[in-house]
N, C-alpha and C. Protein backbone atom coordinates (compact mmCIF):
# COMPACT_ATOMS: atom_id res chain seq x y z
N MET A 1 -138.88 -7.96 192.86
CA MET A 1 -139.97 -8.09 194.09
C MET A 1 -139.52 -7.25 194.84
N THR A 2 -140.97 -6.12 195.35
CA THR A 2 -141.36 -5.21 196.24
C THR A 2 -142.18 -6.33 197.57
N LEU A 3 -140.95 -5.30 198.26
CA LEU A 3 -141.51 -5.83 199.37
C LEU A 3 -142.48 -4.80 200.08
N SER A 4 -144.03 -5.15 200.48
CA SER A 4 -145.46 -4.00 200.94
C SER A 4 -144.81 -3.79 202.44
N PRO A 5 -145.65 -3.31 203.31
CA PRO A 5 -146.10 -3.04 204.41
C PRO A 5 -146.74 -4.12 205.05
N VAL A 6 -146.86 -4.74 204.39
CA VAL A 6 -147.48 -6.37 204.61
C VAL A 6 -146.54 -7.17 204.26
N THR A 7 -145.53 -7.23 204.95
CA THR A 7 -144.44 -7.79 205.78
C THR A 7 -144.07 -8.14 207.01
N THR A 8 -144.25 -9.20 207.82
CA THR A 8 -143.92 -9.50 209.16
C THR A 8 -143.40 -10.45 209.66
N ILE A 9 -142.54 -9.85 210.39
CA ILE A 9 -141.44 -10.33 211.15
C ILE A 9 -142.03 -10.46 212.57
N ARG A 10 -141.95 -11.96 213.06
CA ARG A 10 -142.38 -13.06 213.56
C ARG A 10 -141.98 -13.59 214.34
N PRO A 11 -142.21 -14.37 215.38
CA PRO A 11 -141.62 -15.42 216.33
C PRO A 11 -141.61 -17.05 215.17
N ALA A 12 -140.54 -17.74 214.49
CA ALA A 12 -140.64 -18.86 213.53
C ALA A 12 -141.57 -20.11 214.36
N ILE A 13 -142.31 -20.87 213.87
CA ILE A 13 -143.45 -21.70 214.07
C ILE A 13 -142.78 -23.15 213.64
N GLU A 14 -142.91 -24.33 213.52
CA GLU A 14 -142.45 -25.12 212.73
C GLU A 14 -142.71 -25.37 211.19
N SER A 15 -143.78 -24.91 211.28
CA SER A 15 -144.12 -24.69 209.59
C SER A 15 -143.41 -24.02 208.35
N ASP A 16 -142.12 -22.93 209.67
CA ASP A 16 -140.99 -22.32 208.83
C ASP A 16 -139.93 -23.37 208.39
N LEU A 17 -139.42 -24.09 209.08
CA LEU A 17 -138.31 -24.70 208.43
C LEU A 17 -138.12 -24.82 207.87
N GLU A 18 -138.53 -25.53 206.82
CA GLU A 18 -137.92 -25.70 205.19
C GLU A 18 -137.28 -24.27 204.78
N ALA A 19 -138.05 -23.15 204.54
CA ALA A 19 -137.89 -21.90 204.25
C ALA A 19 -136.82 -21.52 204.72
N VAL A 20 -136.75 -21.63 206.12
CA VAL A 20 -135.64 -20.51 206.75
C VAL A 20 -134.18 -21.83 206.54
N VAL A 21 -134.43 -22.70 206.27
CA VAL A 21 -132.83 -23.82 205.56
C VAL A 21 -133.03 -23.60 204.05
N ALA A 22 -134.36 -23.47 203.17
CA ALA A 22 -133.79 -22.99 202.17
C ALA A 22 -132.62 -21.60 202.00
N ALA A 23 -133.29 -20.52 203.05
CA ALA A 23 -132.08 -19.54 202.77
C ALA A 23 -131.04 -19.17 203.53
N TYR A 24 -130.89 -20.39 204.62
CA TYR A 24 -129.85 -20.47 205.36
C TYR A 24 -128.61 -21.33 204.54
N ASN A 25 -129.48 -22.88 203.59
CA ASN A 25 -128.48 -23.50 202.99
C ASN A 25 -127.86 -22.27 201.55
N ALA A 26 -128.91 -21.33 201.64
CA ALA A 26 -128.27 -20.72 199.79
C ALA A 26 -127.06 -19.79 200.12
N GLY A 27 -126.80 -19.60 201.48
CA GLY A 27 -125.64 -17.89 202.68
C GLY A 27 -125.22 -19.36 202.24
N ILE A 28 -125.19 -20.43 203.02
CA ILE A 28 -123.84 -21.33 203.05
C ILE A 28 -123.47 -21.41 201.83
N SER A 29 -124.13 -21.77 201.12
CA SER A 29 -123.51 -21.94 199.70
C SER A 29 -122.55 -21.07 199.28
N GLU A 30 -123.48 -19.88 199.49
CA GLU A 30 -122.48 -18.61 199.00
C GLU A 30 -121.64 -18.25 199.16
N ARG A 31 -121.50 -18.50 200.52
CA ARG A 31 -119.89 -18.71 201.38
C ARG A 31 -119.97 -17.08 201.52
N ILE A 32 -120.58 -16.24 201.49
CA ILE A 32 -120.09 -14.88 201.43
C ILE A 32 -121.02 -14.10 203.21
N ALA A 33 -121.61 -14.91 203.51
CA ALA A 33 -122.04 -14.51 205.31
C ALA A 33 -121.77 -15.14 205.72
N THR A 34 -121.18 -16.42 206.20
CA THR A 34 -120.79 -17.11 206.93
C THR A 34 -119.86 -18.49 207.08
N LEU A 35 -118.91 -18.71 207.97
CA LEU A 35 -118.13 -19.47 207.98
C LEU A 35 -118.54 -21.01 208.06
N GLU A 36 -119.94 -21.94 208.16
CA GLU A 36 -120.51 -23.14 207.72
C GLU A 36 -120.08 -23.74 206.59
N THR A 37 -120.02 -24.80 206.28
CA THR A 37 -119.91 -25.21 205.40
C THR A 37 -120.89 -26.36 204.70
N ARG A 38 -121.33 -26.28 206.04
CA ARG A 38 -122.52 -28.38 205.63
C ARG A 38 -123.74 -27.69 205.88
N LEU A 39 -124.85 -28.19 204.49
CA LEU A 39 -125.76 -27.55 204.61
C LEU A 39 -126.61 -27.77 205.16
N ARG A 40 -127.74 -27.21 205.85
CA ARG A 40 -128.37 -27.89 206.88
C ARG A 40 -130.07 -28.48 206.38
N THR A 41 -130.42 -29.56 207.44
CA THR A 41 -132.08 -29.87 207.19
C THR A 41 -132.63 -29.17 208.08
N PRO A 42 -133.80 -29.49 208.25
CA PRO A 42 -135.22 -29.21 209.30
C PRO A 42 -134.63 -29.46 210.41
N ALA A 43 -134.52 -30.76 210.64
CA ALA A 43 -134.41 -31.80 211.80
C ALA A 43 -132.70 -30.63 212.53
N ASP A 44 -132.07 -30.67 211.68
CA ASP A 44 -131.05 -29.80 212.17
C ASP A 44 -131.20 -28.54 212.73
N ILE A 45 -132.30 -28.17 212.93
CA ILE A 45 -132.49 -26.68 213.23
C ILE A 45 -133.65 -26.57 214.22
N ALA A 46 -134.60 -27.63 214.23
CA ALA A 46 -135.73 -28.03 214.69
C ALA A 46 -135.77 -27.41 216.25
N GLY A 47 -134.43 -27.92 216.85
CA GLY A 47 -133.81 -27.43 218.45
C GLY A 47 -133.71 -25.72 218.62
N TRP A 48 -133.89 -25.31 217.60
CA TRP A 48 -133.52 -23.18 217.28
C TRP A 48 -135.25 -23.27 217.86
N LEU A 49 -136.53 -23.89 217.89
CA LEU A 49 -137.94 -23.59 218.19
C LEU A 49 -138.17 -23.74 219.47
N THR A 50 -137.11 -23.68 220.55
CA THR A 50 -137.67 -24.37 221.78
C THR A 50 -136.53 -24.25 222.06
N ASP A 51 -135.52 -23.87 222.15
CA ASP A 51 -134.37 -23.42 222.60
C ASP A 51 -133.54 -22.07 224.09
N GLY A 52 -135.46 -21.50 223.38
CA GLY A 52 -135.72 -20.69 224.83
C GLY A 52 -134.87 -18.60 223.82
N ARG A 53 -134.12 -19.21 222.52
CA ARG A 53 -133.71 -18.09 222.12
C ARG A 53 -133.95 -17.18 220.98
N PRO A 54 -133.67 -15.76 220.71
CA PRO A 54 -134.84 -15.81 219.46
C PRO A 54 -134.71 -15.37 218.96
N PHE A 55 -136.01 -16.25 217.88
CA PHE A 55 -135.88 -16.93 216.77
C PHE A 55 -136.89 -16.28 215.54
N LEU A 56 -136.65 -15.48 214.93
CA LEU A 56 -137.65 -14.95 214.15
C LEU A 56 -137.59 -14.96 212.66
N VAL A 57 -138.59 -14.54 211.56
CA VAL A 57 -138.85 -14.96 210.04
C VAL A 57 -139.74 -13.81 209.40
N ALA A 58 -139.19 -13.64 208.54
CA ALA A 58 -139.82 -12.21 207.85
C ALA A 58 -141.18 -13.02 206.94
N GLU A 59 -141.73 -12.78 207.38
CA GLU A 59 -142.94 -13.78 206.17
C GLU A 59 -143.54 -12.71 205.25
N HIS A 60 -143.56 -12.77 203.84
CA HIS A 60 -144.21 -12.00 202.92
C HIS A 60 -145.23 -12.52 201.55
N GLU A 61 -146.63 -12.02 202.26
CA GLU A 61 -147.72 -12.79 201.33
C GLU A 61 -147.80 -14.37 201.42
N GLY A 62 -147.54 -15.06 202.89
CA GLY A 62 -147.85 -16.41 203.01
C GLY A 62 -146.27 -17.29 203.01
N ARG A 63 -145.32 -16.16 202.21
CA ARG A 63 -144.02 -16.71 202.27
C ARG A 63 -143.04 -16.59 203.06
N VAL A 64 -141.95 -17.32 203.86
CA VAL A 64 -141.00 -16.88 204.58
C VAL A 64 -139.51 -16.66 203.84
N LEU A 65 -139.13 -15.26 204.13
CA LEU A 65 -138.05 -14.84 202.85
C LEU A 65 -136.80 -14.83 203.96
N GLY A 66 -137.12 -14.89 204.76
CA GLY A 66 -135.83 -14.66 205.68
C GLY A 66 -135.58 -14.77 207.19
N TRP A 67 -134.78 -15.24 207.58
CA TRP A 67 -135.07 -15.28 209.19
C TRP A 67 -133.41 -14.55 209.75
N ALA A 68 -133.55 -14.51 211.51
CA ALA A 68 -132.93 -14.39 212.53
C ALA A 68 -132.76 -14.74 213.84
N ARG A 69 -131.49 -15.09 214.10
CA ARG A 69 -131.35 -15.80 215.26
C ARG A 69 -130.21 -15.10 215.89
N ALA A 70 -130.66 -15.42 217.43
CA ALA A 70 -129.94 -14.99 218.71
C ALA A 70 -129.40 -16.29 219.67
N GLY A 71 -128.15 -15.65 219.61
CA GLY A 71 -127.94 -17.35 221.26
C GLY A 71 -126.94 -16.09 221.70
N PHE A 72 -126.76 -17.10 222.54
CA PHE A 72 -125.63 -16.87 223.69
C PHE A 72 -124.46 -16.92 223.16
N TYR A 73 -123.81 -16.08 223.36
CA TYR A 73 -122.36 -15.66 222.90
C TYR A 73 -120.76 -16.70 223.49
N SER A 74 -120.90 -16.67 224.26
CA SER A 74 -120.55 -17.67 226.12
C SER A 74 -121.14 -18.03 227.20
N ASP A 75 -120.60 -18.82 228.09
CA ASP A 75 -121.46 -19.44 229.05
C ASP A 75 -120.37 -18.65 230.02
N ARG A 76 -119.53 -18.35 229.61
CA ARG A 76 -118.33 -17.39 230.53
C ARG A 76 -119.56 -16.21 231.36
N CYS A 77 -119.32 -16.29 232.39
CA CYS A 77 -120.00 -15.22 233.22
C CYS A 77 -119.68 -13.09 232.56
N VAL A 78 -118.42 -13.16 232.02
CA VAL A 78 -117.57 -12.15 231.64
C VAL A 78 -118.65 -11.46 230.27
N TYR A 79 -119.01 -12.18 229.73
CA TYR A 79 -119.46 -12.40 228.67
C TYR A 79 -121.50 -12.51 228.75
N GLU A 80 -122.11 -12.28 230.38
CA GLU A 80 -123.74 -12.09 230.67
C GLU A 80 -124.23 -11.37 229.12
N GLY A 81 -124.83 -11.42 228.87
CA GLY A 81 -125.83 -10.44 228.47
C GLY A 81 -125.06 -10.07 226.81
N VAL A 82 -123.96 -11.47 226.19
CA VAL A 82 -123.88 -11.06 225.03
C VAL A 82 -124.39 -11.54 224.35
N GLY A 83 -124.55 -11.86 223.03
CA GLY A 83 -125.22 -12.72 222.58
C GLY A 83 -124.73 -12.53 220.96
N GLU A 84 -124.49 -13.75 220.00
CA GLU A 84 -124.00 -14.14 218.63
C GLU A 84 -125.51 -13.90 217.79
N HIS A 85 -125.49 -13.18 216.37
CA HIS A 85 -126.42 -13.18 215.71
C HIS A 85 -126.59 -13.71 214.25
N ALA A 86 -127.12 -14.10 214.04
CA ALA A 86 -127.42 -14.64 212.19
C ALA A 86 -128.45 -14.10 211.81
N VAL A 87 -128.34 -13.52 210.50
CA VAL A 87 -129.42 -12.50 209.52
C VAL A 87 -129.35 -13.66 208.08
N TYR A 88 -130.66 -14.03 208.16
CA TYR A 88 -129.92 -14.52 206.62
C TYR A 88 -131.89 -13.90 205.85
N VAL A 89 -131.28 -13.99 204.63
CA VAL A 89 -133.00 -13.12 203.52
C VAL A 89 -132.29 -14.78 202.49
N HIS A 90 -133.48 -14.95 202.52
CA HIS A 90 -133.46 -15.71 200.75
C HIS A 90 -132.94 -15.05 199.86
N PRO A 91 -132.62 -15.21 198.19
CA PRO A 91 -132.11 -14.60 197.60
C PRO A 91 -132.05 -13.76 196.13
N ALA A 92 -133.52 -14.12 196.77
CA ALA A 92 -134.44 -13.44 195.53
C ALA A 92 -135.37 -12.55 196.08
N ALA A 93 -135.46 -12.51 198.15
CA ALA A 93 -135.78 -11.34 198.49
C ALA A 93 -134.73 -9.93 198.98
N ARG A 94 -133.52 -10.67 198.50
CA ARG A 94 -132.84 -9.52 199.00
C ARG A 94 -132.76 -7.52 198.74
N GLY A 95 -131.58 -7.35 199.26
CA GLY A 95 -131.98 -5.77 198.06
C GLY A 95 -133.13 -4.55 198.41
N HIS A 96 -134.10 -5.21 199.80
CA HIS A 96 -135.21 -4.65 200.06
C HIS A 96 -135.43 -3.97 201.01
N GLY A 97 -133.95 -4.15 202.01
CA GLY A 97 -134.39 -3.44 203.50
C GLY A 97 -134.51 -4.98 204.74
N LEU A 98 -135.25 -5.69 204.17
CA LEU A 98 -135.45 -7.07 204.49
C LEU A 98 -134.10 -7.33 206.06
N GLY A 99 -133.19 -7.18 205.56
CA GLY A 99 -132.02 -7.89 206.51
C GLY A 99 -132.19 -6.76 207.73
N ARG A 100 -132.08 -6.08 207.26
CA ARG A 100 -131.85 -4.81 208.19
C ARG A 100 -132.99 -4.48 208.79
N ALA A 101 -134.33 -4.84 208.52
CA ALA A 101 -135.47 -5.01 209.02
C ALA A 101 -135.26 -5.95 211.02
N HIS A 102 -135.05 -7.21 209.86
CA HIS A 102 -134.91 -8.27 210.74
C HIS A 102 -133.85 -7.75 211.99
N LEU A 103 -132.57 -7.35 211.42
CA LEU A 103 -131.50 -7.08 212.54
C LEU A 103 -131.91 -6.30 213.84
N ILE A 104 -133.03 -5.11 213.23
CA ILE A 104 -133.66 -3.75 214.11
C ILE A 104 -134.79 -4.88 215.10
N GLU A 105 -135.07 -5.84 214.58
CA GLU A 105 -135.92 -6.38 215.36
C GLU A 105 -135.76 -7.30 216.84
N LEU A 106 -134.53 -8.17 215.92
CA LEU A 106 -133.90 -9.61 216.26
C LEU A 106 -133.21 -8.53 217.47
N CYS A 107 -132.72 -7.06 218.15
CA CYS A 107 -131.81 -6.66 218.81
C CYS A 107 -132.86 -6.47 220.02
N ALA A 108 -134.42 -6.03 219.48
CA ALA A 108 -135.02 -5.82 220.38
C ALA A 108 -135.96 -6.68 221.27
N GLU A 109 -136.16 -8.41 220.33
CA GLU A 109 -135.73 -9.24 220.78
C GLU A 109 -135.38 -9.84 221.91
N SER A 110 -134.03 -9.87 221.56
CA SER A 110 -132.77 -10.02 221.74
C SER A 110 -132.92 -9.33 223.19
N GLU A 111 -132.63 -8.09 223.70
CA GLU A 111 -132.85 -7.02 224.87
C GLU A 111 -134.14 -8.05 226.08
N ARG A 112 -135.01 -7.98 225.37
CA ARG A 112 -135.80 -8.73 225.81
C ARG A 112 -135.66 -10.13 226.48
N HIS A 113 -134.50 -10.75 226.04
CA HIS A 113 -133.84 -12.08 226.36
C HIS A 113 -132.77 -12.01 227.40
N GLY A 114 -132.61 -10.74 227.49
CA GLY A 114 -131.22 -10.11 228.61
C GLY A 114 -129.58 -10.51 227.50
N LEU A 115 -130.11 -10.09 226.67
CA LEU A 115 -128.73 -10.04 225.19
C LEU A 115 -128.63 -8.23 225.01
N TYR A 116 -127.83 -8.04 225.38
CA TYR A 116 -127.53 -6.36 225.03
C TYR A 116 -127.00 -5.97 223.77
N ASN A 117 -125.96 -7.02 223.70
CA ASN A 117 -124.83 -6.74 222.70
C ASN A 117 -124.69 -8.09 221.46
N SER A 118 -124.31 -7.96 220.35
CA SER A 118 -124.42 -9.74 219.72
C SER A 118 -123.12 -9.07 218.40
N PRO A 119 -122.17 -9.54 219.01
CA PRO A 119 -120.39 -9.55 217.77
C PRO A 119 -121.38 -10.21 216.45
N ALA A 120 -120.97 -9.43 215.87
CA ALA A 120 -121.12 -10.19 214.37
C ALA A 120 -119.88 -11.46 213.91
N ALA A 121 -120.30 -12.39 213.42
CA ALA A 121 -119.06 -13.90 213.19
C ALA A 121 -119.26 -13.93 211.55
N CYS A 122 -119.01 -12.65 210.85
CA CYS A 122 -118.72 -12.53 209.23
C CYS A 122 -117.28 -13.28 208.91
N PRO A 123 -117.09 -13.59 207.81
CA PRO A 123 -116.00 -13.42 207.25
C PRO A 123 -115.29 -12.32 206.55
N PRO A 124 -114.30 -11.98 206.89
CA PRO A 124 -113.45 -10.63 206.46
C PRO A 124 -113.89 -10.03 205.32
N THR A 125 -114.38 -11.24 204.21
CA THR A 125 -114.71 -10.83 202.91
C THR A 125 -115.85 -9.87 202.59
N THR A 126 -116.82 -9.90 203.91
CA THR A 126 -118.37 -9.93 203.82
C THR A 126 -118.55 -8.20 203.96
N ASN A 127 -118.14 -7.61 203.37
CA ASN A 127 -117.49 -6.26 203.50
C ASN A 127 -119.07 -5.34 203.33
N PRO A 128 -119.98 -5.81 202.80
CA PRO A 128 -121.68 -5.20 202.36
C PRO A 128 -122.57 -5.48 203.66
N VAL A 129 -121.98 -6.89 204.44
CA VAL A 129 -122.89 -7.42 205.58
C VAL A 129 -121.98 -6.11 206.78
N ALA A 130 -121.02 -6.02 206.74
CA ALA A 130 -120.90 -4.92 207.93
C ALA A 130 -121.14 -3.80 207.17
N SER A 131 -121.40 -3.31 206.31
CA SER A 131 -122.11 -2.01 206.37
C SER A 131 -123.40 -1.79 206.38
N ARG A 132 -124.04 -3.12 206.02
CA ARG A 132 -125.96 -2.93 206.36
C ARG A 132 -125.66 -2.89 207.26
N THR A 133 -124.93 -3.13 208.80
CA THR A 133 -125.05 -2.85 210.14
C THR A 133 -124.79 -0.92 210.32
N ALA A 134 -124.06 -0.55 209.62
CA ALA A 134 -123.73 0.55 209.88
C ALA A 134 -124.89 1.75 209.31
N ARG A 135 -126.02 1.60 210.06
CA ARG A 135 -126.66 2.42 209.27
C ARG A 135 -127.78 3.10 210.37
N PRO A 136 -128.84 4.06 210.23
CA PRO A 136 -129.31 4.64 210.71
C PRO A 136 -130.24 3.34 211.93
N GLY A 137 -130.11 3.90 212.93
CA GLY A 137 -130.92 2.35 213.70
C GLY A 137 -129.93 1.29 214.51
N LEU A 138 -128.95 1.18 214.41
CA LEU A 138 -128.17 0.22 214.43
C LEU A 138 -126.93 1.58 214.85
N ARG A 139 -125.77 0.69 215.54
CA ARG A 139 -124.19 0.98 216.04
C ARG A 139 -123.17 0.40 216.41
N ARG A 140 -122.62 0.75 215.58
CA ARG A 140 -121.37 -0.17 216.02
C ARG A 140 -120.30 -0.39 216.99
N SER A 141 -119.69 -1.20 217.59
CA SER A 141 -118.62 -0.75 218.76
C SER A 141 -117.66 -1.49 218.27
N VAL A 142 -116.64 -0.84 218.87
CA VAL A 142 -115.36 -1.13 218.43
C VAL A 142 -114.96 -2.88 218.63
N SER A 143 -115.85 -3.65 218.90
CA SER A 143 -115.56 -4.59 219.38
C SER A 143 -116.43 -5.28 218.65
N ASN A 144 -116.90 -4.71 217.38
CA ASN A 144 -117.70 -5.48 216.11
C ASN A 144 -118.63 -5.91 216.01
N ALA A 145 -119.72 -5.43 217.72
CA ALA A 145 -120.74 -5.82 217.92
C ALA A 145 -122.11 -4.74 217.55
N VAL A 146 -123.12 -5.16 217.17
CA VAL A 146 -124.20 -4.85 216.72
C VAL A 146 -125.53 -4.16 217.86
N THR A 147 -125.51 -3.18 218.22
CA THR A 147 -126.76 -3.00 218.87
C THR A 147 -127.94 -2.40 218.84
N ALA A 148 -129.45 -2.34 218.88
CA ALA A 148 -129.99 -1.20 218.39
C ALA A 148 -129.82 -0.07 219.26
N SER A 149 -129.64 1.60 219.07
CA SER A 149 -129.52 2.61 219.46
C SER A 149 -130.17 2.91 219.97
N SER A 150 -131.77 1.96 220.27
CA SER A 150 -132.57 2.64 221.27
C SER A 150 -132.49 2.09 222.18
N THR A 151 -131.84 1.03 222.65
CA THR A 151 -131.19 0.52 224.15
C THR A 151 -131.27 1.10 224.71
N GLY A 152 -129.86 2.30 224.51
CA GLY A 152 -129.99 3.29 225.86
C GLY A 152 -128.94 3.03 227.15
N ASN A 153 -128.64 2.00 227.38
CA ASN A 153 -128.09 1.34 228.42
C ASN A 153 -126.85 1.49 228.09
N GLY A 154 -126.03 1.60 227.31
CA GLY A 154 -124.68 2.31 227.19
C GLY A 154 -124.01 1.36 227.26
N LYS A 155 -124.55 0.01 227.30
CA LYS A 155 -122.84 -1.49 227.67
C LYS A 155 -122.82 -1.57 225.60
N THR A 156 -121.48 -2.45 226.17
CA THR A 156 -121.13 -2.92 225.09
C THR A 156 -120.01 -3.87 225.30
N ALA A 157 -119.56 -5.45 224.32
CA ALA A 157 -118.70 -5.99 224.59
C ALA A 157 -117.23 -5.39 225.60
N SER A 158 -117.13 -4.25 225.34
CA SER A 158 -115.69 -3.14 225.35
C SER A 158 -115.74 -2.86 226.48
N SER A 159 -117.42 -2.64 227.27
CA SER A 159 -116.80 -1.46 228.78
C SER A 159 -117.39 -2.46 229.84
């Protein structure tokens, strides 16, 4: 599959949930990018549409191929501005930069929501995921966080 410029990253809507769950459950089943073990249903994630946190999908030719979401890392005041992110791409759409594009858009959207840092919670065997975040446009801090390099506010979870 070749992704063209008509691939759009946009806020998720209710009709996207089936495709979001398909990509999520593929990642859960593969056990390479999550600590989750229970497969999800659209009802399980429907609350993501209304919880006020960034929730994006990538649409290509009318099909949702992946999703990204950021949530608050902790309700403790010392973690104000720190979010936790998830990015999932349907297996048939992997290897075309969609995950990276999603992460960059999610960083921008997260900053609009007051989140400036997002630690990755990946299993230690997920080296491909970690290496994808160490590319132009993204930077890693010593706290295993990923932020958009364009933010320029100099904040990290370790500062």
